[in-house]
């Protein structure tokens, strides 16, 4: 990819699954960049003449002051996945990103790129999306150029299938014929850097292979060299699981499960991009 050194990128969320791939791509494409994280120990390998590592916490706005000076584009992949540090989705997916946006505006940053997920507006009733989409609203009204990237699931999310397959059985709700095309972090990182020059405000993207849940289950079992055994559960069980978790656990516990179980009930097919295949990823993980 051709890039110009006139761009300086600030990346937040660098210690996460996608953030690591974006950091690597920034290095490979010779970008000037600032990588911010609350713990910088694992980022030392990225440090160079063009890459600065800065300790900062997006949940604490006082630690962000000045970090956007000289920055032209901010990329944020900040969001709760399965952390257990007492913070809520509103604390992180909304407020922490808003802290970063406010600092970007103060410093005169031109563009803000935010990674959400596919069909976010449609699923605002889910805890994860409630916070993410509230931030998208703030970003739209910020006056900055912006891009919201909406991937159709990460390969890392598909590890749940591998975990089930270890025990020799895959459990699916409904007939398992729902289709979607998750994307590898390495491919999605390319999309994020392309967004720097994009004139679109929203990029919906998935991986190269459109797969049914049954096919993904078969791949996971095959990766563990297990016979194909997929058990299809009625949809009322899925609804009952979500209700039970919402009633008896915190949003931090039920949020990812609610998200996964809701999006898996219908087709979610995004424009295809990339070269990394899920079956190879599964093989690499076992």
Foldseek 3Di string as FASTA:
>chain_A
DADDQLAEEEEEPLPDQLNVLLLVVCQVNVYQYEYEECDCPVVVVSDDPRYHYAYAFLLDLVRCAPVCASHQEYEYAKADDQDDPPDFRLSILARSVVSVLVNCVVNVHAEYEYEDAPPLVVPCVFRNSVRNVVNVVCVVVSPHHYAYEHEHAELVVLVVLLVQLLVQEAEEEDPQFAKEAAAYSNFVSVVRVVVVPDNDRYAYEGAADIDTRLVSNVLSNVLNPHPRHYHYDYVVVLVVVLVVCVVPHDSSVSRNVVVVSVVNPHHDYHPHTDDDDSSVVSNVVD
